[in-house]
Every structure is written in structure tokens, then in C-alpha cells.
């Protein structure tokens, strides 16, 4: 298990509980299939780097326990988060956009 996850126990495909979302997001940089990377800071800042271009936004957990992101000036999205677990270790997160249904995986780097 990723040491920064403080002993969080998860199974592959299991939802990330609201109280675990901060630890899950801030545990490590995430790498996506297209090579883009993203970091999440405990203060609610997130940075997304794609093709050398960095954008900064904010993240939070809403009242329904979903991960939310805001990218200025006006893009907002909410996601269902699920664990990616291999060999008993959390290796990343699966994001499902609540509005569009689009899905993508981020692997811990």
C-alpha cells in the first residue's frame, strides 16, 4: 500500500469514501494514459500538465462525497472516484465524470 495513504485499505473498483478522497488525491502525482500528469495539494490546489503546458485549478469534496474540480474561468466538474488496486496495493484512481459519464484512469507515479 502506498505509504502516504496511511493504511487505507481498498479493493479494485471500490468507491473512494469521501473521508479518504484527500489522502487518495494527495498521495502522489497521477499519470494519465496520454502522458499528462496531475498533482493535488492538501490546500485544494491542483496542477495539470499536458504537453509541457501547466494549468492550475482547485479541488474539493462536495456534500454528497464526490470529488469536484474547478478550472478558471468557469469549468466545473464532479467525479465518482474508484480505487485501482493491483497485487493488494493502490496504484491509482479511476475518475468517472458525473455529468458526461466519461472515464479515465490516473496511476500513482
C-alpha atoms as a PDB file:
ATOM      1  CA  UNK A   1       0.000   0.000   0.000  1.00  0.00           C
ATOM      2  CA  UNK A   2       1.224   3.486  -0.798  1.00  0.00           C
ATOM      3  CA  UNK A   3       2.768   4.792   2.451  1.00  0.00           C
ATOM      4  CA  UNK A   4       1.186   8.205   2.004  1.00  0.00           C
ATOM      5  CA  UNK A   5      -2.267   6.596   2.098  1.00  0.00           C
ATOM      6  CA  UNK A   6      -1.817   5.957   5.835  1.00  0.00           C
ATOM      7  CA  UNK A   7      -3.009   2.384   5.772  1.00  0.00           C
ATOM      8  CA  UNK A   8      -6.128   2.933   3.677  1.00  0.00           C
ATOM      9  CA  UNK A   9      -7.404  -0.486   2.691  1.00  0.00           C
ATOM     10  CA  UNK A  10      -9.114  -0.731  -0.690  1.00  0.00           C
ATOM     11  CA  UNK A  11     -10.184  -3.223  -3.314  1.00  0.00           C
ATOM     12  CA  UNK A  12     -10.015  -2.707  -7.065  1.00  0.00           C
ATOM     13  CA  UNK A  13     -13.058  -0.809  -8.316  1.00  0.00           C
ATOM     14  CA  UNK A  14     -14.264   0.056  -4.821  1.00  0.00           C
ATOM     15  CA  UNK A  15     -15.514   3.644  -4.385  1.00  0.00           C
ATOM     16  CA  UNK A  16     -13.157   6.022  -2.594  1.00  0.00           C
ATOM     17  CA  UNK A  17     -15.035   7.102   0.535  1.00  0.00           C
ATOM     18  CA  UNK A  18     -15.450  10.857   0.988  1.00  0.00           C
ATOM     19  CA  UNK A  19     -13.159  10.920   4.021  1.00  0.00           C
ATOM     20  CA  UNK A  20     -10.442   9.125   2.015  1.00  0.00           C
ATOM     21  CA  UNK A  21     -10.549  11.411  -1.037  1.00  0.00           C
ATOM     22  CA  UNK A  22      -7.978  13.928   0.276  1.00  0.00           C
ATOM     23  CA  UNK A  23      -5.468  11.168   1.089  1.00  0.00           C
ATOM     24  CA  UNK A  24      -6.144   9.398  -2.221  1.00  0.00           C
ATOM     25  CA  UNK A  25      -5.585  12.555  -4.270  1.00  0.00           C
ATOM     26  CA  UNK A  26      -2.558  13.906  -2.430  1.00  0.00           C
ATOM     27  CA  UNK A  27      -0.728  10.557  -2.092  1.00  0.00           C
ATOM     28  CA  UNK A  28       1.307  11.023  -5.270  1.00  0.00           C
ATOM     29  CA  UNK A  29       1.402  12.609  -8.704  1.00  0.00           C
ATOM     30  CA  UNK A  30      -1.046  10.945 -11.108  1.00  0.00           C
ATOM     31  CA  UNK A  31      -0.079   9.991 -14.655  1.00  0.00           C
ATOM     32  CA  UNK A  32      -2.775   9.517 -17.290  1.00  0.00           C
ATOM     33  CA  UNK A  33      -2.700   7.293 -20.381  1.00  0.00           C
ATOM     34  CA  UNK A  34      -1.941  10.257 -22.663  1.00  0.00           C
ATOM     35  CA  UNK A  35       1.144  11.163 -20.601  1.00  0.00           C
ATOM     36  CA  UNK A  36      -0.441  14.136 -18.852  1.00  0.00           C
ATOM     37  CA  UNK A  37       0.265  14.449 -15.125  1.00  0.00           C
ATOM     38  CA  UNK A  38      -1.645  15.985 -12.256  1.00  0.00           C
ATOM     39  CA  UNK A  39      -0.844  16.869  -8.672  1.00  0.00           C
ATOM     40  CA  UNK A  40      -3.236  17.649  -5.853  1.00  0.00           C
ATOM     41  CA  UNK A  41      -2.148  19.682  -2.845  1.00  0.00           C
ATOM     42  CA  UNK A  42      -3.731  19.497   0.611  1.00  0.00           C
ATOM     43  CA  UNK A  43      -4.700  23.176   0.343  1.00  0.00           C
ATOM     44  CA  UNK A  44      -7.096  22.383  -2.538  1.00  0.00           C
ATOM     45  CA  UNK A  45      -4.808  23.393  -5.409  1.00  0.00           C
ATOM     46  CA  UNK A  46      -4.378  21.099  -8.407  1.00  0.00           C
ATOM     47  CA  UNK A  47      -1.944  21.362 -11.316  1.00  0.00           C
ATOM     48  CA  UNK A  48      -2.412  19.580 -14.625  1.00  0.00           C
ATOM     49  CA  UNK A  49       0.488  19.335 -17.087  1.00  0.00           C
ATOM     50  CA  UNK A  50      -0.090  18.226 -20.665  1.00  0.00           C
ATOM     51  CA  UNK A  51       2.453  18.634 -23.431  1.00  0.00           C
ATOM     52  CA  UNK A  52       4.553  20.942 -21.264  1.00  0.00           C
ATOM     53  CA  UNK A  53       1.611  23.287 -20.639  1.00  0.00           C
ATOM     54  CA  UNK A  54       0.562  23.706 -16.993  1.00  0.00           C
ATOM     55  CA  UNK A  55      -2.880  24.777 -15.817  1.00  0.00           C
ATOM     56  CA  UNK A  56      -3.914  25.361 -12.219  1.00  0.00           C
ATOM     57  CA  UNK A  57      -7.286  24.820 -10.626  1.00  0.00           C
ATOM     58  CA  UNK A  58      -8.830  23.833  -7.336  1.00  0.00           C
ATOM     59  CA  UNK A  59     -10.351  20.664  -5.967  1.00  0.00           C
ATOM     60  CA  UNK A  60     -12.779  19.833  -3.158  1.00  0.00           C
ATOM     61  CA  UNK A  61     -15.153  17.200  -1.847  1.00  0.00           C
ATOM     62  CA  UNK A  62     -18.833  18.150  -2.103  1.00  0.00           C
ATOM     63  CA  UNK A  63     -21.672  17.460   0.342  1.00  0.00           C
ATOM     64  CA  UNK A  64     -22.538  14.223  -1.473  1.00  0.00           C
ATOM     65  CA  UNK A  65     -18.991  12.868  -1.120  1.00  0.00           C
ATOM     66  CA  UNK A  66     -17.852  13.402  -4.708  1.00  0.00           C
ATOM     67  CA  UNK A  67     -14.557  14.838  -5.893  1.00  0.00           C
ATOM     68  CA  UNK A  68     -15.052  18.204  -7.620  1.00  0.00           C
ATOM     69  CA  UNK A  69     -12.675  20.320  -9.653  1.00  0.00           C
ATOM     70  CA  UNK A  70     -12.778  23.913 -10.852  1.00  0.00           C
ATOM     71  CA  UNK A  71     -10.645  25.260 -13.691  1.00  0.00           C
ATOM     72  CA  UNK A  72     -10.821  29.027 -14.186  1.00  0.00           C
ATOM     73  CA  UNK A  73     -12.514  30.827 -15.572  1.00  0.00           C
ATOM     74  CA  UNK A  74     -15.641  28.638 -15.494  1.00  0.00           C
ATOM     75  CA  UNK A  75     -15.115  24.879 -15.943  1.00  0.00           C
ATOM     76  CA  UNK A  76     -16.536  22.773 -13.108  1.00  0.00           C
ATOM     77  CA  UNK A  77     -16.828  19.001 -12.914  1.00  0.00           C
ATOM     78  CA  UNK A  78     -17.767  16.361 -10.353  1.00  0.00           C
ATOM     79  CA  UNK A  79     -16.476  12.816 -10.367  1.00  0.00           C
ATOM     80  CA  UNK A  80     -17.083   9.426  -8.852  1.00  0.00           C
ATOM     81  CA  UNK A  81     -13.673   8.110  -7.688  1.00  0.00           C
ATOM     82  CA  UNK A  82     -12.796   4.432  -7.514  1.00  0.00           C
ATOM     83  CA  UNK A  83      -9.606   2.709  -6.465  1.00  0.00           C
ATOM     84  CA  UNK A  84      -7.238   0.983  -8.864  1.00  0.00           C
ATOM     85  CA  UNK A  85      -5.634  -1.852  -6.921  1.00  0.00           C
ATOM     86  CA  UNK A  86      -3.075  -4.373  -8.190  1.00  0.00           C
ATOM     87  CA  UNK A  87      -1.473  -7.040  -6.041  1.00  0.00           C
ATOM     88  CA  UNK A  88      -3.110  -5.632  -2.936  1.00  0.00           C
ATOM     89  CA  UNK A  89      -1.645  -2.147  -3.467  1.00  0.00           C
ATOM     90  CA  UNK A  90      -3.464   1.024  -4.509  1.00  0.00           C
ATOM     91  CA  UNK A  91      -1.839   2.025  -7.798  1.00  0.00           C
ATOM     92  CA  UNK A  92      -4.165   4.821  -8.845  1.00  0.00           C
ATOM     93  CA  UNK A  93      -7.644   6.234  -9.212  1.00  0.00           C
ATOM     94  CA  UNK A  94     -10.480   5.824 -11.716  1.00  0.00           C
ATOM     95  CA  UNK A  95     -12.436   9.005 -12.419  1.00  0.00           C
ATOM     96  CA  UNK A  96     -15.995   8.966 -13.819  1.00  0.00           C
ATOM     97  CA  UNK A  97     -17.498  12.338 -14.745  1.00  0.00           C
ATOM     98  CA  UNK A  98     -20.960  12.504 -13.176  1.00  0.00           C
ATOM     99  CA  UNK A  99     -22.338  14.649 -15.997  1.00  0.00           C
ATOM    100  CA  UNK A 100     -20.873  13.146 -19.167  1.00  0.00           C
ATOM    101  CA  UNK A 101     -20.046   9.649 -17.948  1.00  0.00           C
ATOM    102  CA  UNK A 102     -16.542   9.884 -19.431  1.00  0.00           C
ATOM    103  CA  UNK A 103     -13.934   7.837 -17.591  1.00  0.00           C
ATOM    104  CA  UNK A 104     -10.188   7.992 -17.215  1.00  0.00           C
ATOM    105  CA  UNK A 105      -7.544   6.417 -15.024  1.00  0.00           C
ATOM    106  CA  UNK A 106      -4.689   8.087 -13.183  1.00  0.00           C
ATOM    107  CA  UNK A 107      -1.808   5.944 -11.951  1.00  0.00           C
ATOM    108  CA  UNK A 108       0.348   6.959  -8.999  1.00  0.00           C
ATOM    109  CA  UNK A 109       3.853   7.897 -10.098  1.00  0.00           C
END
